[in-house]
Amino acid sequence: MLEIFNNAISNDVKTTIAYANADTLNKVYEDPSLKEIYNSFDHIHPDGIGVYLASKYLFGANGLRERFTGSDFYHKLTEKSLKKKYTWFFFGHTENELVKIRSRYPGLIIKGIQEGYDFNNEEVIEKINNSDPDIIIIGLSSPIQEKWMYLNRDKIKFRVMLSVGDGIKVFSGDKKRGPEFMRKSGLEWLVRVAADPANNFKRYFLGIPKFIKRIII
């Protein structure tokens, strides 16, 4: 993933990246139009234990070599960016959340921020183009962010556009993660449910059984 970013930025080539976890794949299954959108992106990174285990069940030794999470990757990306002087634009969540990213990474070159709950689309596009960032982080929740990327990428100046959903809180430091043993055992999602049951109960307790059934059948 780091090499993908480096190549896109070094060669000034537009690259779009989305993530696939159990929840987003459930949404793709239920909305066929999303399949076209996801297939149009340059890269899809497999996010989380569910996709990792599904790949092993479906493809055995040819499945994913290791579990991949955005929460682990985003820290590596910011470290790389600090060294390489990559420029950023954050779009999504609240302005308060985005301001925290500036405080947490004072050396990160953040050319602009835009909250994601109340915005004018044309103004956002103009704002991004005026800043001309290397990396755009989109955190509008799925599938809103993927649809936005699909509809607007040709109008925008960037090198890498990455959808992160609620992962934007990883950058701000506000995303609660479970202890190491829960991460390794694939139970980190229980921490998210406990922290925000209203928004996460349906996603996990109803979504995970649906995902497992679809993989098995």
C-alpha atoms as a PDB file:
ATOM      1  CA  MET A   1       0.000   0.000   0.000  1.00  0.00           C
ATOM      2  CA  LEU A   2       2.806   2.402   0.813  1.00  0.00           C
ATOM      3  CA  GLU A   3       4.375   1.619  -2.559  1.00  0.00           C
ATOM      4  CA  ILE A   4       1.064   2.373  -4.292  1.00  0.00           C
ATOM      5  CA  PHE A   5       0.996   5.805  -2.649  1.00  0.00           C
ATOM      6  CA  ASN A   6       4.621   6.504  -3.456  1.00  0.00           C
ATOM      7  CA  ASN A   7       4.244   5.539  -7.126  1.00  0.00           C
ATOM      8  CA  ALA A   8       1.077   7.590  -7.593  1.00  0.00           C
ATOM      9  CA  ILE A   9       2.559  10.695  -5.994  1.00  0.00           C
ATOM     10  CA  SER A  10       6.008  10.381  -7.592  1.00  0.00           C
ATOM     11  CA  ASN A  11       4.541   9.863 -11.064  1.00  0.00           C
ATOM     12  CA  ASP A  12       1.582  12.237 -10.629  1.00  0.00           C
ATOM     13  CA  VAL A  13      -0.953   9.525 -11.489  1.00  0.00           C
ATOM     14  CA  LYS A  14      -4.484   9.682 -10.111  1.00  0.00           C
ATOM     15  CA  THR A  15      -5.172   6.620  -7.982  1.00  0.00           C
ATOM     16  CA  THR A  16      -8.407   5.783  -6.178  1.00  0.00           C
ATOM     17  CA  ILE A  17      -8.513   3.363  -3.256  1.00  0.00           C
ATOM     18  CA  ALA A  18     -11.493   2.031  -1.312  1.00  0.00           C
ATOM     19  CA  TYR A  19     -11.750  -0.627   1.358  1.00  0.00           C
ATOM     20  CA  ALA A  20     -13.759  -3.834   1.539  1.00  0.00           C
ATOM     21  CA  ASN A  21     -14.876  -5.201   4.883  1.00  0.00           C
ATOM     22  CA  ALA A  22     -17.817  -7.416   5.815  1.00  0.00           C
ATOM     23  CA  ASP A  23     -20.143  -4.423   6.089  1.00  0.00           C
ATOM     24  CA  THR A  24     -19.262  -2.802   2.744  1.00  0.00           C
ATOM     25  CA  LEU A  25     -19.426  -6.160   0.962  1.00  0.00           C
ATOM     26  CA  ASN A  26     -22.904  -6.699   2.408  1.00  0.00           C
ATOM     27  CA  LYS A  27     -23.902  -3.342   0.929  1.00  0.00           C
ATOM     28  CA  VAL A  28     -22.411  -4.248  -2.463  1.00  0.00           C
ATOM     29  CA  TYR A  29     -24.356  -7.517  -2.381  1.00  0.00           C
ATOM     30  CA  GLU A  30     -27.614  -5.673  -1.658  1.00  0.00           C
ATOM     31  CA  ASP A  31     -27.036  -2.809  -4.123  1.00  0.00           C
ATOM     32  CA  PRO A  32     -25.735  -4.020  -7.528  1.00  0.00           C
ATOM     33  CA  SER A  33     -24.932  -0.442  -8.604  1.00  0.00           C
ATOM     34  CA  LEU A  34     -22.199  -0.375  -5.956  1.00  0.00           C
ATOM     35  CA  LYS A  35     -20.428  -3.264  -7.668  1.00  0.00           C
ATOM     36  CA  GLU A  36     -19.766  -1.096 -10.720  1.00  0.00           C
ATOM     37  CA  ILE A  37     -18.510   1.707  -8.483  1.00  0.00           C
ATOM     38  CA  TYR A  38     -16.140  -0.542  -6.541  1.00  0.00           C
ATOM     39  CA  ASN A  39     -14.855  -2.186  -9.721  1.00  0.00           C
ATOM     40  CA  SER A  40     -13.992   1.261 -11.109  1.00  0.00           C
ATOM     41  CA  PHE A  41     -11.486   2.013  -8.343  1.00  0.00           C
ATOM     42  CA  ASP A  42      -7.811   1.317  -8.924  1.00  0.00           C
ATOM     43  CA  HIS A  43      -7.344  -0.634  -5.696  1.00  0.00           C
ATOM     44  CA  ILE A  44      -9.516  -2.230  -3.024  1.00  0.00           C
ATOM     45  CA  HIS A  45      -7.796  -3.050   0.218  1.00  0.00           C
ATOM     46  CA  PRO A  46      -9.198  -5.924   2.300  1.00  0.00           C
ATOM     47  CA  ASP A  47     -10.104  -4.474   5.682  1.00  0.00           C
ATOM     48  CA  GLY A  48     -10.508  -6.559   8.800  1.00  0.00           C
ATOM     49  CA  ILE A  49     -10.667 -10.068  10.133  1.00  0.00           C
ATOM     50  CA  GLY A  50     -13.913 -10.977   8.341  1.00  0.00           C
ATOM     51  CA  VAL A  51     -12.507 -10.547   4.854  1.00  0.00           C
ATOM     52  CA  TYR A  52      -9.276 -12.283   5.858  1.00  0.00           C
ATOM     53  CA  LEU A  53     -11.114 -15.366   7.184  1.00  0.00           C
ATOM     54  CA  ALA A  54     -13.462 -15.388   4.182  1.00  0.00           C
ATOM     55  CA  SER A  55     -10.474 -15.420   1.817  1.00  0.00           C
ATOM     56  CA  LYS A  56      -8.994 -18.381   3.677  1.00  0.00           C
ATOM     57  CA  TYR A  57     -12.300 -20.255   3.571  1.00  0.00           C
ATOM     58  CA  LEU A  58     -12.804 -19.592  -0.148  1.00  0.00           C
ATOM     59  CA  PHE A  59      -9.228 -19.866  -1.429  1.00  0.00           C
ATOM     60  CA  GLY A  60      -7.230 -21.714   1.219  1.00  0.00           C
ATOM     61  CA  ALA A  61      -3.501 -21.170   0.848  1.00  0.00           C
ATOM     62  CA  ASN A  62      -4.177 -18.678  -1.954  1.00  0.00           C
ATOM     63  CA  GLY A  63      -6.183 -16.449   0.381  1.00  0.00           C
ATOM     64  CA  LEU A  64      -4.842 -13.296   2.002  1.00  0.00           C
ATOM     65  CA  ARG A  65      -1.450 -13.779   3.625  1.00  0.00           C
ATOM     66  CA  GLU A  66      -2.271 -11.647   6.657  1.00  0.00           C
ATOM     67  CA  ARG A  67      -4.980  -9.577   8.279  1.00  0.00           C
ATOM     68  CA  PHE A  68      -5.027  -5.985   7.042  1.00  0.00           C
ATOM     69  CA  THR A  69      -6.699  -3.081   8.852  1.00  0.00           C
ATOM     70  CA  GLY A  70      -6.893   0.580   7.999  1.00  0.00           C
ATOM     71  CA  SER A  71      -6.319   1.378  11.676  1.00  0.00           C
ATOM     72  CA  ASP A  72      -2.857  -0.186  11.450  1.00  0.00           C
ATOM     73  CA  PHE A  73      -2.051   1.215   8.009  1.00  0.00           C
ATOM     74  CA  TYR A  74      -2.993   4.877   8.540  1.00  0.00           C
ATOM     75  CA  HIS A  75      -0.254   5.319  11.144  1.00  0.00           C
ATOM     76  CA  LYS A  76       2.324   3.957   8.711  1.00  0.00           C
ATOM     77  CA  LEU A  77       1.028   6.296   6.012  1.00  0.00           C
ATOM     78  CA  THR A  78       1.330   9.385   8.201  1.00  0.00           C
ATOM     79  CA  GLU A  79       4.870   8.389   9.201  1.00  0.00           C
ATOM     80  CA  LYS A  80       5.792   7.997   5.526  1.00  0.00           C
ATOM     81  CA  SER A  81       4.178  11.331   4.702  1.00  0.00           C
ATOM     82  CA  LEU A  82       6.125  13.173   7.373  1.00  0.00           C
ATOM     83  CA  LYS A  83       9.351  11.931   5.792  1.00  0.00           C
ATOM     84  CA  LYS A  84       8.296  12.432   2.174  1.00  0.00           C
ATOM     85  CA  LYS A  85       6.442  15.741   2.739  1.00  0.00           C
ATOM     86  CA  TYR A  86       3.239  14.483   1.138  1.00  0.00           C
ATOM     87  CA  THR A  87       0.385  16.993   1.248  1.00  0.00           C
ATOM     88  CA  TRP A  88      -3.094  16.140   2.537  1.00  0.00           C
ATOM     89  CA  PHE A  89      -6.745  17.158   2.400  1.00  0.00           C
ATOM     90  CA  PHE A  90      -9.242  15.700   4.888  1.00  0.00           C
ATOM     91  CA  PHE A  91     -12.936  15.577   3.970  1.00  0.00           C
ATOM     92  CA  GLY A  92     -15.473  14.098   6.348  1.00  0.00           C
ATOM     93  CA  HIS A  93     -16.804  13.901   9.896  1.00  0.00           C
ATOM     94  CA  THR A  94     -16.837  17.142  11.958  1.00  0.00           C
ATOM     95  CA  GLU A  95     -14.555  20.146  11.841  1.00  0.00           C
ATOM     96  CA  ASN A  96     -13.706  19.536  15.498  1.00  0.00           C
ATOM     97  CA  GLU A  97     -12.491  16.039  14.607  1.00  0.00           C
ATOM     98  CA  LEU A  98     -10.411  17.321  11.698  1.00  0.00           C
ATOM     99  CA  VAL A  99      -8.787  20.071  13.766  1.00  0.00           C
ATOM    100  CA  LYS A 100      -7.541  17.392  16.150  1.00  0.00           C
ATOM    101  CA  ILE A 101      -5.557  15.853  13.281  1.00  0.00           C
ATOM    102  CA  ARG A 102      -3.620  19.096  12.862  1.00  0.00           C
ATOM    103  CA  SER A 103      -2.817  19.083  16.578  1.00  0.00           C
ATOM    104  CA  ARG A 104      -1.820  15.427  16.616  1.00  0.00           C
ATOM    105  CA  TYR A 105       0.465  15.695  13.565  1.00  0.00           C
ATOM    106  CA  PRO A 106       1.874  19.241  13.613  1.00  0.00           C
ATOM    107  CA  GLY A 107       4.459  18.299  10.974  1.00  0.00           C
ATOM    108  CA  LEU A 108       1.903  16.880   8.549  1.00  0.00           C
ATOM    109  CA  ILE A 109       1.292  19.196   5.588  1.00  0.00           C
ATOM    110  CA  ILE A 110      -2.508  19.537   5.670  1.00  0.00           C
ATOM    111  CA  LYS A 111      -3.556  21.881   2.890  1.00  0.00           C
ATOM    112  CA  GLY A 112      -7.244  21.833   3.739  1.00  0.00           C
ATOM    113  CA  ILE A 113     -10.079  20.327   5.738  1.00  0.00           C
ATOM    114  CA  GLN A 114     -13.808  20.073   5.088  1.00  0.00           C
ATOM    115  CA  GLU A 115     -16.413  18.665   7.460  1.00  0.00           C
ATOM    116  CA  GLY A 116     -18.726  16.087   5.964  1.00  0.00           C
ATOM    117  CA  TYR A 117     -22.190  16.761   7.360  1.00  0.00           C
ATOM    118  CA  ASP A 118     -23.090  20.086   5.777  1.00  0.00           C
ATOM    119  CA  PHE A 119     -21.315  21.081   2.593  1.00  0.00           C
ATOM    120  CA  ASN A 120     -21.797  22.450  -0.904  1.00  0.00           C
ATOM    121  CA  ASN A 121     -20.361  19.990  -3.399  1.00  0.00           C
ATOM    122  CA  GLU A 122     -19.054  22.540  -5.890  1.00  0.00           C
ATOM    123  CA  GLU A 123     -17.440  24.545  -3.123  1.00  0.00           C
ATOM    124  CA  VAL A 124     -15.701  21.420  -1.800  1.00  0.00           C
ATOM    125  CA  ILE A 125     -14.359  20.603  -5.252  1.00  0.00           C
ATOM    126  CA  GLU A 126     -13.054  24.154  -5.674  1.00  0.00           C
ATOM    127  CA  LYS A 127     -11.501  24.054  -2.208  1.00  0.00           C
ATOM    128  CA  ILE A 128      -9.686  20.800  -2.970  1.00  0.00           C
ATOM    129  CA  ASN A 129      -8.488  21.981  -6.369  1.00  0.00           C
ATOM    130  CA  ASN A 130      -7.129  25.204  -4.916  1.00  0.00           C
ATOM    131  CA  SER A 131      -5.118  23.189  -2.405  1.00  0.00           C
ATOM    132  CA  ASP A 132      -3.988  20.557  -4.975  1.00  0.00           C
ATOM    133  CA  PRO A 133      -3.153  17.845  -2.388  1.00  0.00           C
ATOM    134  CA  ASP A 134      -1.206  14.655  -2.907  1.00  0.00           C
ATOM    135  CA  ILE A 135      -3.624  12.675  -0.725  1.00  0.00           C
ATOM    136  CA  ILE A 136      -7.345  13.154  -0.163  1.00  0.00           C
ATOM    137  CA  ILE A 137      -8.885  11.309   2.776  1.00  0.00           C
ATOM    138  CA  ILE A 138     -12.653  10.812   2.435  1.00  0.00           C
ATOM    139  CA  GLY A 139     -14.587   9.905   5.580  1.00  0.00           C
ATOM    140  CA  LEU A 140     -18.260  10.230   4.686  1.00  0.00           C
ATOM    141  CA  SER A 141     -19.335   6.677   5.640  1.00  0.00           C
ATOM    142  CA  SER A 142     -20.039   3.909   3.163  1.00  0.00           C
ATOM    143  CA  PRO A 143     -21.441   3.946   0.506  1.00  0.00           C
ATOM    144  CA  ILE A 144     -21.782   7.760   0.464  1.00  0.00           C
ATOM    145  CA  GLN A 145     -18.019   8.260   0.217  1.00  0.00           C
ATOM    146  CA  GLU A 146     -17.558   5.709  -2.580  1.00  0.00           C
ATOM    147  CA  LYS A 147     -20.374   7.274  -4.596  1.00  0.00           C
ATOM    148  CA  TRP A 148     -18.862  10.722  -4.052  1.00  0.00           C
ATOM    149  CA  MET A 149     -15.452   9.528  -5.210  1.00  0.00           C
ATOM    150  CA  TYR A 150     -16.946   7.863  -8.280  1.00  0.00           C
ATOM    151  CA  LEU A 151     -18.940  10.948  -9.328  1.00  0.00           C
ATOM    152  CA  ASN A 152     -16.315  13.601  -8.626  1.00  0.00           C
ATOM    153  CA  ARG A 153     -12.830  12.138  -9.123  1.00  0.00           C
ATOM    154  CA  ASP A 154     -12.513  13.455 -12.683  1.00  0.00           C
ATOM    155  CA  LYS A 155     -13.214  16.991 -11.463  1.00  0.00           C
ATOM    156  CA  ILE A 156     -10.566  17.002  -8.767  1.00  0.00           C
ATOM    157  CA  LYS A 157      -6.799  17.475  -8.568  1.00  0.00           C
ATOM    158  CA  PHE A 158      -5.116  14.762  -6.491  1.00  0.00           C
ATOM    159  CA  ARG A 159      -2.700  11.831  -6.660  1.00  0.00           C
ATOM    160  CA  VAL A 160      -4.337   9.424  -4.215  1.00  0.00           C
ATOM    161  CA  MET A 161      -7.935   9.471  -3.017  1.00  0.00           C
ATOM    162  CA  LEU A 162      -8.581   7.085  -0.135  1.00  0.00           C
ATOM    163  CA  SER A 163     -11.931   6.313   1.498  1.00  0.00           C
ATOM    164  CA  VAL A 164     -11.641   5.603   5.230  1.00  0.00           C
ATOM    165  CA  GLY A 165     -15.154   5.915   6.687  1.00  0.00           C
ATOM    166  CA  ASP A 166     -15.056   6.200  10.459  1.00  0.00           C
ATOM    167  CA  GLY A 167     -11.330   5.521  10.181  1.00  0.00           C
ATOM    168  CA  ILE A 168     -10.862   9.277  10.021  1.00  0.00           C
ATOM    169  CA  LYS A 169     -10.963   9.047  13.826  1.00  0.00           C
ATOM    170  CA  VAL A 170      -7.759   7.008  13.654  1.00  0.00           C
ATOM    171  CA  PHE A 171      -5.994  10.102  12.341  1.00  0.00           C
ATOM    172  CA  SER A 172      -7.448  12.283  15.100  1.00  0.00           C
ATOM    173  CA  GLY A 173      -6.694   9.709  17.797  1.00  0.00           C
ATOM    174  CA  ASP A 174     -10.340   9.353  18.810  1.00  0.00           C
ATOM    175  CA  LYS A 175     -11.015   5.838  17.528  1.00  0.00           C
ATOM    176  CA  LYS A 176     -11.207   3.368  20.385  1.00  0.00           C
ATOM    177  CA  ARG A 177      -9.321   0.139  19.746  1.00  0.00           C
ATOM    178  CA  GLY A 178      -9.376  -3.060  21.741  1.00  0.00           C
ATOM    179  CA  PRO A 179      -6.360  -4.557  23.539  1.00  0.00           C
ATOM    180  CA  GLU A 180      -3.814  -6.475  21.511  1.00  0.00           C
ATOM    181  CA  PHE A 181      -5.291  -9.897  22.298  1.00  0.00           C
ATOM    182  CA  MET A 182      -8.705  -8.785  20.959  1.00  0.00           C
ATOM    183  CA  ARG A 183      -7.127  -7.455  17.772  1.00  0.00           C
ATOM    184  CA  LYS A 184      -5.271 -10.698  17.125  1.00  0.00           C
ATOM    185  CA  SER A 185      -8.345 -12.830  17.864  1.00  0.00           C
ATOM    186  CA  GLY A 186     -10.569 -10.783  15.562  1.00  0.00           C
ATOM    187  CA  LEU A 187     -12.839  -9.538  18.349  1.00  0.00           C
ATOM    188  CA  GLU A 188     -11.967  -5.857  18.178  1.00  0.00           C
ATOM    189  CA  TRP A 189     -15.426  -5.143  16.751  1.00  0.00           C
ATOM    190  CA  LEU A 190     -16.894  -5.855  20.212  1.00  0.00           C
ATOM    191  CA  VAL A 191     -15.151  -2.732  21.487  1.00  0.00           C
ATOM    192  CA  ARG A 192     -16.855  -0.658  18.784  1.00  0.00           C
ATOM    193  CA  VAL A 193     -20.260  -2.092  19.656  1.00  0.00           C
ATOM    194  CA  ALA A 194     -19.714  -1.376  23.357  1.00  0.00           C
ATOM    195  CA  ALA A 195     -18.558   2.182  22.612  1.00  0.00           C
ATOM    196  CA  ASP A 196     -21.445   2.990  20.232  1.00  0.00           C
ATOM    197  CA  PRO A 197     -24.171   0.304  20.370  1.00  0.00           C
ATOM    198  CA  ALA A 198     -26.797   2.429  18.623  1.00  0.00           C
ATOM    199  CA  ASN A 199     -24.769   2.743  15.423  1.00  0.00           C
ATOM    200  CA  ASN A 200     -22.929  -0.560  15.503  1.00  0.00           C
ATOM    201  CA  PHE A 201     -25.380  -3.196  16.739  1.00  0.00           C
ATOM    202  CA  LYS A 202     -27.063  -3.726  13.359  1.00  0.00           C
ATOM    203  CA  ARG A 203     -23.776  -3.579  11.470  1.00  0.00           C
ATOM    204  CA  TYR A 204     -22.134  -6.324  13.503  1.00  0.00           C
ATOM    205  CA  PHE A 205     -24.762  -8.510  15.153  1.00  0.00           C
ATOM    206  CA  LEU A 206     -26.967  -8.629  12.066  1.00  0.00           C
ATOM    207  CA  GLY A 207     -24.347  -7.956   9.394  1.00  0.00           C
ATOM    208  CA  ILE A 208     -21.773 -10.574  10.386  1.00  0.00           C
ATOM    209  CA  PRO A 209     -24.214 -13.531  10.193  1.00  0.00           C
ATOM    210  CA  LYS A 210     -25.379 -12.276   6.773  1.00  0.00           C
ATOM    211  CA  PHE A 211     -21.790 -12.045   5.568  1.00  0.00           C
ATOM    212  CA  ILE A 212     -20.926 -15.547   6.825  1.00  0.00           C
ATOM    213  CA  LYS A 213     -24.029 -17.024   5.194  1.00  0.00           C
ATOM    214  CA  ARG A 214     -23.194 -15.391   1.856  1.00  0.00           C
ATOM    215  CA  ILE A 215     -19.606 -16.656   1.968  1.00  0.00           C
ATOM    216  CA  ILE A 216     -20.605 -20.209   2.829  1.00  0.00           C
ATOM    217  CA  ILE A 217     -23.414 -20.437   0.275  1.00  0.00           C
END
